[in-house]
Protein backbone atom coordinates (compact mmCIF):
# COMPACT_ATOMS: atom_id res chain seq x y z
CA MET A 1 1.52 -8.35 24.12
CA LYS A 2 0.59 -5.88 21.72
CA ARG A 3 1.00 -6.72 17.93
CA ALA A 4 3.26 -3.22 17.69
CA VAL A 5 5.47 -4.25 20.31
CA LEU A 6 5.97 -7.72 18.69
CA ILE A 7 6.91 -6.01 15.11
CA ALA A 8 9.23 -3.65 16.98
CA MET A 9 11.07 -6.44 18.66
CA ALA A 10 11.15 -7.98 15.10
CA PHE A 11 12.96 -5.19 14.04
CA THR A 12 15.20 -4.59 16.87
CA ALA A 13 18.32 -6.40 15.46
CA LEU A 14 17.84 -4.56 12.04
CA ALA A 15 17.51 -0.96 13.67
CA ALA A 16 20.62 -1.30 16.44
CA PRO A 17 23.63 0.58 15.94
CA LEU A 18 26.25 -0.76 13.63
CA ARG A 19 29.88 -1.33 14.82
CA ALA A 20 30.74 1.82 12.84
CA GLY A 21 33.90 2.17 10.78
CA GLU A 22 34.92 5.52 9.59
CA GLY A 23 32.05 6.56 7.58
CA ALA A 24 29.62 4.03 8.21
CA TYR A 25 25.99 5.00 9.07
CA PRO A 26 25.09 4.87 12.62
CA SER A 27 22.32 2.00 12.27
CA LEU A 28 20.85 0.07 9.59
CA GLU A 29 17.46 2.37 9.89
CA ALA A 30 19.77 5.51 9.06
CA TRP A 31 21.40 3.46 5.83
CA GLY A 32 17.81 2.42 4.74
CA GLU A 33 16.75 5.98 4.83
CA ALA A 34 19.51 7.07 2.50
CA LEU A 35 18.77 3.96 0.12
CA PHE A 36 15.24 4.65 0.22
CA SER A 37 16.01 8.01 -1.75
CA ASP A 38 18.86 6.82 -3.88
CA THR A 39 18.43 7.05 -7.52
CA ASN A 40 21.51 5.42 -8.40
CA LEU A 41 20.20 2.13 -7.47
CA SER A 42 18.09 2.60 -11.01
CA LYS A 43 19.36 1.67 -14.24
CA ASN A 44 19.50 5.23 -15.67
CA ARG A 45 19.64 6.78 -12.21
CA THR A 46 16.47 8.47 -12.32
CA GLU A 47 14.36 6.42 -9.94
CA ALA A 48 14.25 5.63 -6.21
CA CYS A 49 12.06 3.94 -3.72
CA ALA A 50 11.11 7.44 -3.12
CA THR A 51 10.15 8.26 -6.48
CA CYS A 52 7.02 5.81 -6.22
CA HIS A 53 6.67 6.15 -2.49
CA ASP A 54 7.35 9.95 -2.18
CA PRO A 55 7.48 10.72 1.63
CA ALA A 56 5.98 14.12 0.89
CA ALA A 57 2.84 12.40 -0.82
CA GLY A 58 1.85 9.82 1.66
CA PHE A 59 4.34 7.57 0.55
CA SER A 60 2.54 7.05 -2.91
CA ASP A 61 3.53 8.26 -6.32
CA PRO A 62 2.39 11.74 -7.12
CA ARG A 63 3.64 12.04 -10.56
CA GLU A 64 1.36 12.60 -13.58
CA THR A 65 1.92 10.30 -16.64
CA ALA A 66 -0.07 9.71 -19.67
CA VAL A 67 -2.90 7.94 -17.24
CA GLY A 68 -3.03 10.29 -14.64
CA ARG A 69 -1.39 8.77 -11.49
CA ALA A 70 -3.06 5.52 -11.71
CA VAL A 71 0.30 3.49 -12.27
CA SER A 72 3.57 4.28 -12.20
CA LEU A 73 6.20 5.50 -14.49
CA GLY A 74 9.30 3.28 -15.09
CA ASP A 75 13.36 4.57 -15.02
CA ASP A 76 13.38 4.14 -18.50
CA GLY A 77 11.04 7.00 -19.08
CA ALA A 78 8.51 5.07 -21.05
CA SER A 79 7.34 1.95 -19.24
CA LEU A 80 3.98 2.06 -17.44
CA GLY A 81 2.81 -0.42 -14.67
CA ASP A 82 -0.50 -2.17 -14.47
CA ARG A 83 -0.96 -1.58 -10.92
CA ASN A 84 -1.06 1.52 -8.82
CA ALA A 85 1.71 1.72 -6.30
CA PRO A 86 0.41 1.17 -2.72
CA THR A 87 1.20 3.51 0.21
CA ALA A 88 4.26 2.57 2.25
CA SER A 89 2.67 3.91 5.19
CA TYR A 90 2.04 1.72 7.86
CA ALA A 91 3.15 -1.13 5.59
CA ARG A 92 5.25 -2.91 8.62
CA PHE A 93 1.88 -4.30 10.11
CA SER A 94 1.11 -6.31 7.16
CA PRO A 95 2.26 -9.98 8.71
CA PRO A 96 4.61 -12.09 6.73
CA PHE A 97 2.38 -13.94 3.89
CA GLY A 98 0.57 -17.12 4.88
CA ARG A 99 -2.56 -18.79 6.06
CA THR A 100 -4.66 -17.62 8.92
CA ALA A 101 -5.89 -20.09 11.43
CA ASP A 102 -8.85 -20.60 9.44
CA GLY A 103 -6.96 -21.20 6.30
CA LYS A 104 -7.22 -17.94 4.58
CA TRP A 105 -4.20 -16.14 2.76
CA GLN A 106 -3.13 -12.91 4.94
CA GLY A 107 -0.36 -10.45 4.60
CA GLY A 108 2.74 -10.02 2.65
CA GLN A 109 3.64 -7.17 0.59
CA PHE A 110 2.28 -5.74 -2.88
CA HIS A 111 -1.18 -6.37 -3.85
CA ASP A 112 -0.83 -10.08 -4.17
CA GLY A 113 1.21 -10.42 -1.22
CA ARG A 114 4.17 -12.18 -3.34
CA ALA A 115 6.79 -10.64 -1.08
CA ALA A 116 6.41 -12.38 1.92
CA THR A 117 8.18 -9.34 4.17
CA LEU A 118 9.07 -5.65 3.77
CA ALA A 119 12.89 -6.66 2.95
CA ASP A 120 11.48 -9.46 0.32
CA GLN A 121 9.54 -6.36 -1.13
CA ALA A 122 12.68 -4.12 -1.25
CA LYS A 123 14.27 -6.58 -3.46
CA GLY A 124 11.51 -6.61 -6.25
CA PRO A 125 11.67 -2.75 -7.81
CA PRO A 126 15.44 -2.54 -8.40
CA LEU A 127 15.10 -5.59 -10.44
CA ASN A 128 12.02 -5.21 -12.40
CA PRO A 129 12.57 -4.09 -15.95
CA ILE A 130 9.81 -1.91 -16.07
CA GLU A 131 10.45 -0.05 -12.61
CA MET A 132 14.20 0.78 -11.76
CA GLY A 133 15.24 -1.52 -14.37
CA MET A 134 18.54 -2.91 -13.02
CA PRO A 135 19.70 -6.27 -14.78
CA ASP A 136 20.95 -8.38 -11.92
CA VAL A 137 21.89 -8.48 -8.17
CA ALA A 138 25.56 -8.05 -9.20
CA ALA A 139 24.74 -4.75 -10.86
CA VAL A 140 22.88 -3.40 -7.98
CA ALA A 141 25.73 -4.50 -5.71
CA ALA A 142 28.02 -2.61 -7.94
CA ARG A 143 26.03 0.64 -7.55
CA LEU A 144 26.23 0.25 -3.89
CA ARG A 145 30.03 -0.01 -3.89
CA GLU A 146 30.32 3.14 -5.84
CA ASN A 147 29.19 4.75 -2.69
CA PRO A 148 32.33 4.89 -0.22
CA ARG A 149 29.84 5.41 2.91
CA TYR A 150 27.68 2.40 1.67
CA VAL A 151 31.14 0.56 1.31
CA ALA A 152 32.07 1.43 4.88
CA THR A 153 28.52 0.34 6.13
CA LEU A 154 28.72 -3.04 4.46
CA ALA A 155 32.08 -3.69 6.00
CA ALA A 156 30.78 -2.63 9.43
CA LEU A 157 27.63 -4.79 8.88
CA ARG A 158 28.83 -7.89 6.87
CA PRO A 159 32.71 -7.95 6.32
CA GLY A 160 33.39 -9.31 3.05
CA ALA A 161 29.90 -9.61 1.77
CA ASP A 162 29.82 -10.75 -1.79
CA ASP A 163 26.97 -9.46 -4.24
CA ALA A 164 24.30 -11.52 -3.06
CA ALA A 165 24.98 -10.56 0.61
CA ALA A 166 25.38 -6.78 -0.30
CA PHE A 167 22.00 -6.93 -2.01
CA ASP A 168 20.30 -8.62 0.81
CA ALA A 169 21.94 -6.02 3.34
CA MET A 170 20.31 -3.37 1.37
CA ALA A 171 17.07 -4.69 1.28
CA GLU A 172 16.92 -5.18 5.12
CA ALA A 173 18.37 -1.75 5.37
CA ILE A 174 15.28 -0.41 3.53
CA ALA A 175 12.93 -2.53 5.53
CA ALA A 176 14.52 -1.31 8.68
CA TYR A 177 13.71 2.22 7.81
CA GLU A 178 10.30 1.53 6.52
CA ALA A 179 9.64 -0.23 9.98
CA SER A 180 10.29 3.02 11.74
CA ASP A 181 7.60 5.52 13.16
CA THR A 182 8.41 7.77 10.02
CA PHE A 183 5.92 5.70 8.36
CA ALA A 184 3.68 5.03 10.98
CA PRO A 185 3.25 7.93 13.57
CA PHE A 186 -0.23 7.29 14.34
CA ASP A 187 -1.12 11.05 14.61
CA SER A 188 -3.87 11.66 12.70
CA LYS A 189 -6.83 13.58 13.68
CA TYR A 190 -8.61 10.03 14.37
CA ASP A 191 -5.77 9.26 16.51
CA ARG A 192 -5.76 12.67 18.35
CA PHE A 193 -9.52 12.17 19.15
CA LEU A 194 -8.92 8.76 20.63
CA ARG A 195 -6.25 10.21 22.97
CA GLY A 196 -8.73 13.35 23.59
CA GLU A 197 -6.84 15.70 21.90
CA ALA A 198 -9.03 16.51 19.10
CA LYS A 199 -12.74 16.63 18.72
CA LEU A 200 -14.42 15.14 15.48
CA THR A 201 -17.20 17.21 13.52
CA ASP A 202 -20.83 15.75 13.68
CA GLN A 203 -20.36 14.78 9.95
CA GLU A 204 -17.03 13.02 10.95
CA GLU A 205 -18.56 11.36 13.91
CA LEU A 206 -21.34 9.95 11.88
CA GLY A 207 -19.02 8.49 9.45
CA ARG A 208 -17.02 6.97 12.48
CA LEU A 209 -20.08 5.30 13.90
CA LEU A 210 -21.12 3.93 10.49
CA PHE A 211 -17.65 2.64 9.68
CA PHE A 212 -17.26 0.67 12.69
CA SER A 213 -21.06 -0.47 12.49
CA ASN A 214 -22.20 -3.97 12.34
CA GLN A 215 -25.49 -3.22 11.18
CA PHE A 216 -25.37 -0.07 8.64
CA THR A 217 -21.97 -0.68 6.62
CA ASN A 218 -19.55 -3.61 5.72
CA CYS A 219 -16.59 -1.08 6.33
CA ASN A 220 -15.06 -3.15 9.26
CA LEU A 221 -15.61 -6.45 7.84
CA CYS A 222 -12.20 -6.27 5.96
CA HIS A 223 -10.75 -2.72 7.28
CA GLN A 224 -10.37 -3.55 11.06
CA LEU A 225 -7.52 -5.37 12.59
CA ARG A 226 -8.02 -4.80 16.27
CA GLY A 227 -10.63 -6.81 18.13
CA THR A 228 -12.55 -3.65 19.26
CA PRO A 229 -13.49 -0.65 17.57
CA GLY A 230 -11.57 2.60 18.68
CA ALA A 231 -8.52 0.58 19.60
CA GLU A 232 -5.45 2.38 19.28
CA GLU A 233 -2.92 1.85 16.41
CA GLU A 234 -5.81 0.38 14.27
CA THR A 235 -4.28 0.24 10.83
CA PHE A 236 -7.59 -0.30 9.00
CA SER A 237 -7.07 -3.60 7.29
CA ASN A 238 -7.21 -7.04 8.23
CA TYR A 239 -4.43 -7.95 5.42
CA GLN A 240 -6.69 -10.49 3.87
CA PHE A 241 -7.64 -11.16 0.27
CA HIS A 242 -10.71 -10.46 -1.56
CA ASN A 243 -12.17 -10.02 -5.02
CA ILE A 244 -14.70 -6.78 -4.75
CA GLY A 245 -15.31 -7.00 -8.55
CA VAL A 246 -13.07 -4.15 -9.45
CA PRO A 247 -13.36 -3.35 -13.25
CA ALA A 248 -10.24 -3.32 -15.61
CA ASN A 249 -8.77 0.17 -16.02
CA ARG A 250 -8.95 0.32 -19.69
CA ALA A 251 -7.04 3.54 -20.08
CA VAL A 252 -4.02 1.92 -18.50
CA ARG A 253 -4.28 -1.25 -20.71
CA ALA A 254 -4.43 0.79 -23.67
CA ALA A 255 -1.30 2.92 -22.59
CA ASN A 256 1.06 0.31 -21.30
CA GLY A 257 1.01 -2.37 -24.09
CA ALA A 258 -0.60 -4.99 -22.29
CA ALA A 259 -1.76 -7.99 -24.15
CA PRO A 260 -5.32 -7.54 -25.29
CA ASN A 261 -6.59 -10.47 -23.19
CA ARG A 262 -4.31 -9.57 -20.04
CA VAL A 263 -6.17 -10.37 -17.09
CA ASP A 264 -4.96 -9.35 -13.64
CA SER A 265 -5.30 -12.35 -11.61
CA GLY A 266 -4.57 -10.87 -8.25
CA LEU A 267 -3.85 -13.54 -5.49
CA LEU A 268 -3.41 -16.06 -8.17
CA GLU A 269 -0.34 -14.33 -9.40
CA ASN A 270 1.42 -14.84 -6.40
CA PRO A 271 3.84 -17.88 -7.05
CA ALA A 272 2.71 -19.38 -3.56
CA VAL A 273 -0.91 -19.80 -4.95
CA SER A 274 -2.36 -22.16 -7.17
CA ASP A 275 -6.05 -22.41 -6.35
CA PRO A 276 -8.28 -20.83 -9.10
CA ALA A 277 -10.55 -20.00 -6.09
CA GLU A 278 -7.98 -17.38 -5.43
CA ALA A 279 -8.36 -15.56 -8.59
CA GLY A 280 -8.81 -11.68 -8.63
CA LYS A 281 -8.52 -11.34 -4.97
CA ILE A 282 -6.43 -8.45 -3.94
CA LYS A 283 -4.87 -7.52 -0.49
CA VAL A 284 -7.22 -5.20 1.69
CA PRO A 285 -5.15 -1.94 1.78
CA THR A 286 -4.64 0.15 4.68
CA LEU A 287 -7.08 3.23 4.71
CA ARG A 288 -4.42 5.23 6.80
CA ASN A 289 -3.65 8.15 4.54
CA VAL A 290 -6.23 7.15 1.95
CA ALA A 291 -7.40 10.59 1.17
CA VAL A 292 -4.09 11.71 -0.04
CA THR A 293 -3.02 8.76 -1.88
CA GLY A 294 -5.22 8.26 -4.75
CA PRO A 295 -6.25 7.10 -7.21
CA TYR A 296 -7.83 3.96 -5.62
CA MET A 297 -8.28 0.39 -6.04
CA HIS A 298 -5.06 -2.05 -7.17
CA ASN A 299 -5.36 -0.60 -10.69
CA GLY A 300 -5.89 3.11 -10.16
CA VAL A 301 -9.46 2.76 -11.85
CA PHE A 302 -11.43 5.39 -9.54
CA ALA A 303 -9.68 9.08 -8.99
CA ASP A 304 -12.15 9.99 -6.20
CA LEU A 305 -12.55 8.64 -2.63
CA ARG A 306 -16.49 9.22 -2.82
CA THR A 307 -16.60 7.14 -6.15
CA VAL A 308 -15.05 4.05 -4.14
CA ILE A 309 -17.88 4.72 -1.69
CA LEU A 310 -20.54 4.57 -4.20
CA PHE A 311 -18.85 1.73 -6.02
CA TYR A 312 -19.29 -0.22 -2.66
CA ASN A 313 -22.60 0.85 -2.18
CA SER A 314 -23.80 -0.29 -5.72
CA TYR A 315 -23.71 -3.95 -4.38
CA ASN A 316 -26.49 -3.02 -1.84
CA THR A 317 -29.01 -0.73 -3.87
CA ARG A 318 -31.40 -1.54 -6.78
CA ARG A 319 -31.81 2.08 -7.77
CA PRO A 320 -30.26 2.52 -11.31
CA GLU A 321 -28.91 5.90 -10.81
CA ARG A 322 -26.70 4.37 -7.64
CA HIS A 323 -25.05 2.21 -10.36
CA ILE A 324 -23.65 5.17 -12.34
CA ASN A 325 -19.88 6.04 -12.11
CA PRO A 326 -19.83 9.74 -11.42
CA GLU A 327 -16.62 9.83 -13.18
CA THR A 328 -17.56 8.29 -16.55
CA GLY A 329 -21.41 8.95 -16.43
CA ALA A 330 -21.85 5.48 -17.39
CA PRO A 331 -22.79 2.27 -15.47
CA PHE A 332 -19.83 0.86 -13.42
CA ASP A 333 -17.94 -1.53 -15.78
CA PRO A 334 -17.94 -5.11 -14.95
CA PRO A 335 -15.53 -7.03 -12.72
CA GLU A 336 -12.28 -7.73 -14.36
CA VAL A 337 -12.43 -11.30 -12.71
CA ALA A 338 -16.26 -12.18 -12.42
CA GLN A 339 -15.57 -15.29 -10.31
CA ASN A 340 -14.74 -15.59 -6.37
CA LEU A 341 -16.35 -12.26 -5.70
CA SER A 342 -16.88 -11.88 -1.74
CA ARG A 343 -20.48 -11.51 -1.94
CA THR A 344 -20.84 -11.96 1.81
CA GLU A 345 -18.84 -9.09 2.70
CA LEU A 346 -19.87 -6.81 -0.21
CA GLU A 347 -23.44 -7.22 0.42
CA THR A 348 -23.68 -6.74 3.91
CA GLY A 349 -25.68 -3.71 5.20
CA PRO A 350 -28.42 -1.38 3.54
CA ALA A 351 -27.83 1.08 1.01
CA LEU A 352 -26.63 4.34 1.80
CA ASP A 353 -28.03 7.97 1.19
CA ASP A 354 -25.79 10.83 0.42
CA GLN A 355 -25.63 11.75 3.68
CA ARG A 356 -23.91 8.73 5.04
CA ILE A 357 -21.49 8.38 2.13
CA ASP A 358 -20.50 11.95 2.62
CA ALA A 359 -19.94 10.85 6.38
CA LEU A 360 -17.82 8.11 5.47
CA VAL A 361 -15.56 10.14 3.32
CA ALA A 362 -15.24 12.58 5.91
CA PHE A 363 -14.30 10.15 8.20
CA LEU A 364 -11.59 8.77 6.05
CA LYS A 365 -9.92 12.08 5.80
CA THR A 366 -9.30 12.06 9.49
CA LEU A 367 -6.99 9.06 9.10
CA THR A 368 -4.61 11.42 7.35
CA ASP A 369 -1.18 11.64 9.19
CA ALA A 370 -0.77 15.15 10.70
CA ARG A 371 2.18 15.97 8.21
CA TYR A 372 -0.29 15.39 5.17
CA GLU A 373 -3.29 17.18 6.49
CA PRO A 374 -2.22 20.28 4.35
CA LEU A 375 -2.75 17.97 1.26
CA LEU A 376 -6.47 17.38 2.23
CA THR A 377 -9.10 18.76 -0.06
CA ASP A 378 -12.58 20.23 0.64
CA PRO A 379 -15.64 17.76 -0.02
């Protein structure tokens, strides 16, 4: 049975029609759509899920801050995070956090997988003091009860729900919306190509061949979920965790007031993980909509998609000029966490020339959902 079918079955109960009382939303998904854009669920009523996961911007955060779009601004109008808000596109395909058959950590939500499921993730931002800033579950429940239609929906869904049950229902509704096809339409140029509805340019086709190559790149070692290249509903992530040597974003650290010795330990910051060998590992992100959801890496340290390819390529070349970050004109900074680098994956494949780097960028642009194609820029 296809993974997508299993996921759809898992959310059937969440998306089913409610026994609607007067004014109740017709389904959990419909309520979740309303909640997703409701700024009243933040302390100062300025921020919603959709603020940092804007439906018009690939479900990423398009807002400019003192550090560009590397991290998000909180509801208080001053706080800056330490990690880039990942796209919510295709998030439903990340499995619940846990171990694979061979013992590797996989899945969950957030960059460190600390939320096991979409519903767990939806509970985080409202209570985060530097995000939506609500003081506690009771305060969120009180905001929910300000809205008569939410009250009617809760009465239909969970009669007599206390604060905790109301909060859980809110999270389940948001998860049901995020599990809908709105977030995962599979209608990019690449998908249309697979269905015979579009033709790739020569450059895009070269990038596709390189991406799935077991000889010339290392891309699909981590960014391929399905067992066969070219399979439908490929999400371009295996949802495992790797330390690829991403440098600290020093501009963000200078702006957000982080302690001078702050180190993002990645997976080790997940409460379920305590093995020091996991330090610095970050969940492999989907590449769906990657061309329109920059900046890149878990801390937004790279602004341009081509820079990301050059960074990966630096592990496979000895040419000094190939170790220069084109955004700074200086060598790529050292890893924030130097141990536990995934060298086997990073050092697979030969160095790439400009033609192949550009071809990979061109292919990645074909992974953009149809609704976001107008946001694409020329190389």
